[in-house]
Amino acid sequence: MNAMTAEWIDVGAEADIPLRGARVVRSLAGDIAVFRAADGSVFALRDRCPHKGGPLSQGIVHGHGVTCPLHNWVISLETGEAQGADHGCTPRIPVQITEGRVLLDARAIARLAVPHG
């Protein structure tokens, strides 16, 4: 990760994320997939499908969704929720674009590291 402010972490240039693609940001809480939809919207999710843990960053981005490369589950980039008949959710990380830079919510990333029980 690059520079960090009190609440937001700069993870790179928006232009470095391909349209309809993703890049992976490594964190102490695990990998985060940062996606850019065809309309230019940027989203971030934990890089694990809620089904079998597949790498969502390697999936196919379509609209505001991504299809997991392992078992074709479709995950909403806006909510992290599985679509259709599938059930499950992967954590969403709030994103902010400032002067062409992608910033991720540091508090949301920190919460990923806390075990939930």
N, C-alpha and C. Protein backbone atom coordinates (compact mmCIF):
# COMPACT_ATOMS: atom_id res chain seq x y z
N MET A 1 0.83 -1.17 0.00
CA MET A 1 0.00 0.00 0.00
C MET A 1 0.88 1.24 0.00
N ASN A 2 0.33 2.26 -0.55
CA ASN A 2 1.08 3.51 -0.65
C ASN A 2 0.80 4.40 0.55
N ALA A 3 0.70 5.68 0.32
CA ALA A 3 0.50 6.66 1.40
C ALA A 3 -0.80 6.40 2.16
N MET A 4 -0.80 6.81 3.44
CA MET A 4 -1.98 6.63 4.27
C MET A 4 -2.29 7.92 5.01
N THR A 5 -3.56 8.29 4.99
CA THR A 5 -4.02 9.40 5.81
C THR A 5 -4.67 8.78 7.03
N ALA A 6 -5.26 9.58 7.88
CA ALA A 6 -5.87 9.06 9.10
C ALA A 6 -6.97 8.05 8.81
N GLU A 7 -7.76 8.26 7.75
CA GLU A 7 -8.89 7.38 7.50
C GLU A 7 -8.88 6.71 6.14
N TRP A 8 -8.06 7.17 5.22
CA TRP A 8 -8.06 6.65 3.85
C TRP A 8 -6.65 6.24 3.44
N ILE A 9 -6.56 5.15 2.70
CA ILE A 9 -5.27 4.64 2.21
C ILE A 9 -5.23 4.81 0.69
N ASP A 10 -4.20 5.47 0.19
CA ASP A 10 -4.00 5.66 -1.24
C ASP A 10 -3.39 4.37 -1.79
N VAL A 11 -4.12 3.70 -2.72
CA VAL A 11 -3.63 2.43 -3.25
C VAL A 11 -3.21 2.52 -4.72
N GLY A 12 -3.20 3.73 -5.26
CA GLY A 12 -2.71 3.88 -6.62
C GLY A 12 -3.61 4.72 -7.50
N ALA A 13 -3.21 4.84 -8.75
CA ALA A 13 -3.93 5.66 -9.71
C ALA A 13 -5.15 4.93 -10.25
N GLU A 14 -6.24 5.66 -10.39
CA GLU A 14 -7.47 5.10 -10.97
C GLU A 14 -7.18 4.54 -12.36
N ALA A 15 -6.36 5.24 -13.14
CA ALA A 15 -6.03 4.82 -14.51
C ALA A 15 -5.29 3.49 -14.56
N ASP A 16 -4.69 3.07 -13.45
CA ASP A 16 -3.95 1.79 -13.43
C ASP A 16 -4.87 0.58 -13.30
N ILE A 17 -6.16 0.82 -13.04
CA ILE A 17 -7.11 -0.28 -12.97
C ILE A 17 -7.79 -0.37 -14.33
N PRO A 18 -7.65 -1.49 -15.03
CA PRO A 18 -8.24 -1.58 -16.36
C PRO A 18 -9.78 -1.54 -16.31
N LEU A 19 -10.39 -0.92 -17.33
CA LEU A 19 -11.84 -0.97 -17.44
C LEU A 19 -12.28 -2.43 -17.53
N ARG A 20 -13.36 -2.78 -16.83
CA ARG A 20 -13.86 -4.16 -16.76
C ARG A 20 -12.80 -5.11 -16.22
N GLY A 21 -11.98 -4.60 -15.30
CA GLY A 21 -10.92 -5.41 -14.73
C GLY A 21 -10.70 -5.08 -13.27
N ALA A 22 -9.62 -5.64 -12.73
CA ALA A 22 -9.32 -5.46 -11.31
C ALA A 22 -7.82 -5.47 -11.08
N ARG A 23 -7.45 -4.98 -9.92
CA ARG A 23 -6.08 -5.17 -9.44
C ARG A 23 -6.18 -5.55 -7.98
N VAL A 24 -5.17 -6.24 -7.49
CA VAL A 24 -5.17 -6.72 -6.11
C VAL A 24 -4.31 -5.80 -5.26
N VAL A 25 -4.84 -5.45 -4.10
CA VAL A 25 -4.11 -4.67 -3.11
C VAL A 25 -3.88 -5.60 -1.93
N ARG A 26 -2.63 -5.77 -1.56
CA ARG A 26 -2.30 -6.62 -0.41
C ARG A 26 -2.43 -5.81 0.87
N SER A 27 -2.99 -6.42 1.90
CA SER A 27 -3.09 -5.75 3.20
C SER A 27 -2.86 -6.78 4.29
N LEU A 28 -2.61 -6.31 5.49
CA LEU A 28 -2.43 -7.22 6.62
C LEU A 28 -3.71 -8.00 6.91
N ALA A 29 -4.85 -7.48 6.46
CA ALA A 29 -6.14 -8.13 6.67
C ALA A 29 -6.49 -9.08 5.53
N GLY A 30 -5.61 -9.23 4.55
CA GLY A 30 -5.88 -10.09 3.40
C GLY A 30 -5.98 -9.26 2.13
N ASP A 31 -6.07 -9.97 1.00
CA ASP A 31 -6.11 -9.29 -0.29
C ASP A 31 -7.45 -8.60 -0.51
N ILE A 32 -7.37 -7.43 -1.16
CA ILE A 32 -8.54 -6.65 -1.52
C ILE A 32 -8.51 -6.48 -3.03
N ALA A 33 -9.65 -6.76 -3.68
CA ALA A 33 -9.76 -6.58 -5.13
C ALA A 33 -10.39 -5.22 -5.38
N VAL A 34 -9.72 -4.41 -6.20
CA VAL A 34 -10.24 -3.10 -6.59
C VAL A 34 -10.64 -3.21 -8.06
N PHE A 35 -11.92 -3.01 -8.33
CA PHE A 35 -12.50 -3.19 -9.66
C PHE A 35 -12.83 -1.85 -10.29
N ARG A 36 -12.79 -1.81 -11.64
CA ARG A 36 -13.28 -0.65 -12.38
C ARG A 36 -14.25 -1.15 -13.44
N ALA A 37 -15.50 -0.76 -13.29
CA ALA A 37 -16.55 -1.17 -14.22
C ALA A 37 -16.40 -0.42 -15.55
N ALA A 38 -17.12 -0.88 -16.57
CA ALA A 38 -17.05 -0.26 -17.89
C ALA A 38 -17.45 1.21 -17.86
N ASP A 39 -18.34 1.60 -16.92
CA ASP A 39 -18.76 2.99 -16.82
C ASP A 39 -17.78 3.85 -16.01
N GLY A 40 -16.65 3.24 -15.58
CA GLY A 40 -15.63 3.96 -14.83
C GLY A 40 -15.80 3.93 -13.33
N SER A 41 -16.92 3.38 -12.83
CA SER A 41 -17.13 3.27 -11.38
C SER A 41 -16.08 2.35 -10.77
N VAL A 42 -15.60 2.71 -9.57
CA VAL A 42 -14.58 1.91 -8.89
C VAL A 42 -15.18 1.33 -7.61
N PHE A 43 -14.89 0.05 -7.37
CA PHE A 43 -15.40 -0.68 -6.22
C PHE A 43 -14.27 -1.48 -5.59
N ALA A 44 -14.40 -1.82 -4.32
CA ALA A 44 -13.41 -2.67 -3.66
C ALA A 44 -14.13 -3.69 -2.79
N LEU A 45 -13.69 -4.94 -2.90
CA LEU A 45 -14.23 -6.05 -2.12
C LEU A 45 -13.07 -6.89 -1.60
N ARG A 46 -13.31 -7.61 -0.51
CA ARG A 46 -12.34 -8.63 -0.12
C ARG A 46 -12.21 -9.57 -1.31
N ASP A 47 -11.01 -9.99 -1.61
CA ASP A 47 -10.74 -10.80 -2.81
C ASP A 47 -11.03 -12.29 -2.55
N ARG A 48 -12.22 -12.58 -2.02
CA ARG A 48 -12.61 -13.96 -1.74
C ARG A 48 -14.10 -14.13 -1.98
N CYS A 49 -14.44 -15.04 -2.87
CA CYS A 49 -15.84 -15.34 -3.10
C CYS A 49 -16.42 -15.97 -1.84
N PRO A 50 -17.66 -15.62 -1.46
CA PRO A 50 -18.25 -16.21 -0.25
C PRO A 50 -18.58 -17.68 -0.39
N HIS A 51 -18.53 -18.21 -1.60
CA HIS A 51 -18.86 -19.62 -1.83
C HIS A 51 -17.70 -20.54 -1.44
N LYS A 52 -16.60 -20.46 -2.16
CA LYS A 52 -15.46 -21.35 -1.91
C LYS A 52 -14.15 -20.58 -1.81
N GLY A 53 -14.22 -19.25 -1.65
CA GLY A 53 -13.01 -18.47 -1.46
C GLY A 53 -12.24 -18.15 -2.72
N GLY A 54 -12.87 -18.30 -3.88
CA GLY A 54 -12.19 -18.02 -5.14
C GLY A 54 -11.75 -16.57 -5.24
N PRO A 55 -10.70 -16.31 -6.04
CA PRO A 55 -10.18 -14.95 -6.19
C PRO A 55 -11.06 -14.11 -7.12
N LEU A 56 -11.89 -13.25 -6.55
CA LEU A 56 -12.80 -12.44 -7.35
C LEU A 56 -12.05 -11.54 -8.33
N SER A 57 -10.83 -11.14 -7.98
CA SER A 57 -10.03 -10.28 -8.86
C SER A 57 -9.74 -10.94 -10.20
N GLN A 58 -9.85 -12.26 -10.27
CA GLN A 58 -9.60 -12.98 -11.52
C GLN A 58 -10.89 -13.28 -12.28
N GLY A 59 -12.01 -12.78 -11.75
CA GLY A 59 -13.30 -13.03 -12.38
C GLY A 59 -13.58 -12.06 -13.52
N ILE A 60 -14.72 -12.26 -14.16
CA ILE A 60 -15.15 -11.42 -15.27
C ILE A 60 -16.05 -10.33 -14.72
N VAL A 61 -15.68 -9.07 -15.00
CA VAL A 61 -16.47 -7.91 -14.56
C VAL A 61 -17.49 -7.59 -15.65
N HIS A 62 -18.75 -7.47 -15.26
CA HIS A 62 -19.83 -7.13 -16.19
C HIS A 62 -20.83 -6.26 -15.44
N GLY A 63 -21.14 -5.11 -16.03
CA GLY A 63 -22.00 -4.16 -15.32
C GLY A 63 -21.36 -3.80 -14.00
N HIS A 64 -22.13 -3.91 -12.91
CA HIS A 64 -21.60 -3.69 -11.57
C HIS A 64 -21.56 -5.00 -10.82
N GLY A 65 -21.12 -6.06 -11.53
CA GLY A 65 -20.97 -7.38 -10.93
C GLY A 65 -19.70 -8.03 -11.39
N VAL A 66 -19.31 -9.09 -10.67
CA VAL A 66 -18.15 -9.88 -11.06
C VAL A 66 -18.53 -11.35 -10.92
N THR A 67 -18.14 -12.16 -11.90
CA THR A 67 -18.40 -13.59 -11.85
C THR A 67 -17.16 -14.30 -11.33
N CYS A 68 -17.32 -15.05 -10.25
CA CYS A 68 -16.19 -15.79 -9.66
C CYS A 68 -15.65 -16.78 -10.68
N PRO A 69 -14.32 -16.89 -10.80
CA PRO A 69 -13.74 -17.81 -11.78
C PRO A 69 -13.87 -19.28 -11.40
N LEU A 70 -14.20 -19.60 -10.15
CA LEU A 70 -14.27 -21.00 -9.75
C LEU A 70 -15.60 -21.67 -10.06
N HIS A 71 -16.71 -21.06 -9.62
CA HIS A 71 -18.01 -21.73 -9.76
C HIS A 71 -19.09 -20.82 -10.31
N ASN A 72 -18.68 -19.72 -10.95
CA ASN A 72 -19.59 -18.81 -11.65
C ASN A 72 -20.61 -18.09 -10.78
N TRP A 73 -20.35 -17.95 -9.49
CA TRP A 73 -21.22 -17.12 -8.67
C TRP A 73 -21.05 -15.67 -9.12
N VAL A 74 -22.14 -14.93 -9.18
CA VAL A 74 -22.09 -13.51 -9.53
C VAL A 74 -22.22 -12.71 -8.24
N ILE A 75 -21.25 -11.83 -8.01
CA ILE A 75 -21.20 -11.01 -6.80
C ILE A 75 -21.38 -9.54 -7.20
N SER A 76 -22.28 -8.85 -6.51
CA SER A 76 -22.49 -7.42 -6.75
C SER A 76 -21.28 -6.63 -6.28
N LEU A 77 -20.75 -5.78 -7.14
CA LEU A 77 -19.64 -4.92 -6.75
C LEU A 77 -20.12 -3.82 -5.81
N GLU A 78 -21.39 -3.48 -5.87
CA GLU A 78 -21.94 -2.41 -5.04
C GLU A 78 -22.18 -2.86 -3.60
N THR A 79 -22.56 -4.13 -3.40
CA THR A 79 -22.94 -4.60 -2.06
C THR A 79 -22.10 -5.76 -1.54
N GLY A 80 -21.44 -6.49 -2.43
CA GLY A 80 -20.71 -7.70 -2.04
C GLY A 80 -21.60 -8.93 -1.94
N GLU A 81 -22.91 -8.77 -2.18
CA GLU A 81 -23.87 -9.86 -2.06
C GLU A 81 -23.87 -10.74 -3.31
N ALA A 82 -24.05 -12.05 -3.08
CA ALA A 82 -24.24 -12.99 -4.18
C ALA A 82 -25.58 -12.67 -4.85
N GLN A 83 -25.65 -12.84 -6.15
CA GLN A 83 -26.85 -12.54 -6.92
C GLN A 83 -27.59 -13.82 -7.30
N GLY A 84 -28.83 -13.69 -7.69
CA GLY A 84 -29.61 -14.84 -8.14
C GLY A 84 -29.97 -15.74 -6.97
N ALA A 85 -29.93 -17.05 -7.22
CA ALA A 85 -30.32 -18.03 -6.21
C ALA A 85 -29.22 -18.26 -5.17
N ASP A 86 -28.02 -17.77 -5.43
CA ASP A 86 -26.90 -17.99 -4.51
C ASP A 86 -27.01 -17.05 -3.30
N HIS A 87 -26.49 -17.50 -2.16
CA HIS A 87 -26.53 -16.70 -0.94
C HIS A 87 -25.14 -16.59 -0.34
N GLY A 88 -24.79 -15.41 0.09
CA GLY A 88 -23.49 -15.16 0.71
C GLY A 88 -23.08 -13.73 0.42
N CYS A 89 -22.05 -13.30 1.11
CA CYS A 89 -21.60 -11.91 0.96
C CYS A 89 -20.11 -11.85 1.25
N THR A 90 -19.44 -11.01 0.51
CA THR A 90 -18.04 -10.71 0.80
C THR A 90 -17.97 -9.25 1.22
N PRO A 91 -17.11 -8.90 2.18
CA PRO A 91 -17.07 -7.52 2.66
C PRO A 91 -16.71 -6.51 1.56
N ARG A 92 -17.43 -5.40 1.59
CA ARG A 92 -17.20 -4.28 0.67
C ARG A 92 -16.35 -3.24 1.41
N ILE A 93 -15.43 -2.62 0.69
CA ILE A 93 -14.57 -1.57 1.23
C ILE A 93 -14.98 -0.26 0.56
N PRO A 94 -15.36 0.77 1.34
CA PRO A 94 -15.67 2.06 0.73
C PRO A 94 -14.48 2.63 -0.04
N VAL A 95 -14.78 3.22 -1.20
CA VAL A 95 -13.77 3.78 -2.09
C VAL A 95 -14.05 5.27 -2.30
N GLN A 96 -12.97 6.03 -2.41
CA GLN A 96 -13.06 7.45 -2.71
C GLN A 96 -12.02 7.73 -3.81
N ILE A 97 -12.41 8.50 -4.82
CA ILE A 97 -11.46 8.90 -5.85
C ILE A 97 -11.15 10.38 -5.63
N THR A 98 -9.87 10.68 -5.45
CA THR A 98 -9.44 12.06 -5.23
C THR A 98 -8.28 12.36 -6.16
N GLU A 99 -8.49 13.32 -7.04
CA GLU A 99 -7.45 13.74 -7.99
C GLU A 99 -6.85 12.55 -8.73
N GLY A 100 -7.71 11.63 -9.17
CA GLY A 100 -7.28 10.48 -9.95
C GLY A 100 -6.64 9.36 -9.14
N ARG A 101 -6.65 9.48 -7.82
CA ARG A 101 -6.08 8.46 -6.94
C ARG A 101 -7.21 7.66 -6.28
N VAL A 102 -6.99 6.37 -6.11
CA VAL A 102 -7.97 5.50 -5.46
C VAL A 102 -7.62 5.41 -3.98
N LEU A 103 -8.59 5.77 -3.15
CA LEU A 103 -8.41 5.73 -1.70
C LEU A 103 -9.39 4.71 -1.12
N LEU A 104 -8.90 3.85 -0.23
CA LEU A 104 -9.74 2.87 0.45
C LEU A 104 -9.88 3.24 1.91
N ASP A 105 -11.03 2.93 2.47
CA ASP A 105 -11.34 3.24 3.87
C ASP A 105 -10.49 2.36 4.79
N ALA A 106 -9.56 2.97 5.50
CA ALA A 106 -8.63 2.24 6.38
C ALA A 106 -9.36 1.52 7.51
N ARG A 107 -10.43 2.13 8.02
CA ARG A 107 -11.18 1.49 9.11
C ARG A 107 -11.87 0.22 8.64
N ALA A 108 -12.41 0.24 7.43
CA ALA A 108 -13.07 -0.95 6.88
C ALA A 108 -12.06 -2.07 6.66
N ILE A 109 -10.87 -1.72 6.23
CA ILE A 109 -9.81 -2.74 6.04
C ILE A 109 -9.42 -3.31 7.39
N ALA A 110 -9.27 -2.47 8.39
CA ALA A 110 -8.91 -2.95 9.74
C ALA A 110 -9.96 -3.91 10.27
N ARG A 111 -11.24 -3.65 9.98
CA ARG A 111 -12.31 -4.55 10.45
C ARG A 111 -12.21 -5.93 9.81
N LEU A 112 -11.62 -6.03 8.61
CA LEU A 112 -11.45 -7.32 7.95
C LEU A 112 -10.55 -8.24 8.77
N ALA A 113 -9.61 -7.66 9.51
CA ALA A 113 -8.64 -8.43 10.27
C ALA A 113 -9.21 -8.95 11.58
N VAL A 114 -10.35 -8.39 12.01
CA VAL A 114 -10.94 -8.78 13.28
C VAL A 114 -11.79 -10.03 13.07
N PRO A 115 -11.49 -11.13 13.78
CA PRO A 115 -12.31 -12.34 13.62
C PRO A 115 -13.74 -12.08 14.09
N HIS A 116 -14.68 -12.60 13.30
CA HIS A 116 -16.10 -12.47 13.66
C HIS A 116 -16.59 -13.81 14.15
N GLY A 117 -17.35 -13.80 15.19
CA GLY A 117 -17.79 -15.09 15.71
C GLY A 117 -19.14 -15.01 16.17
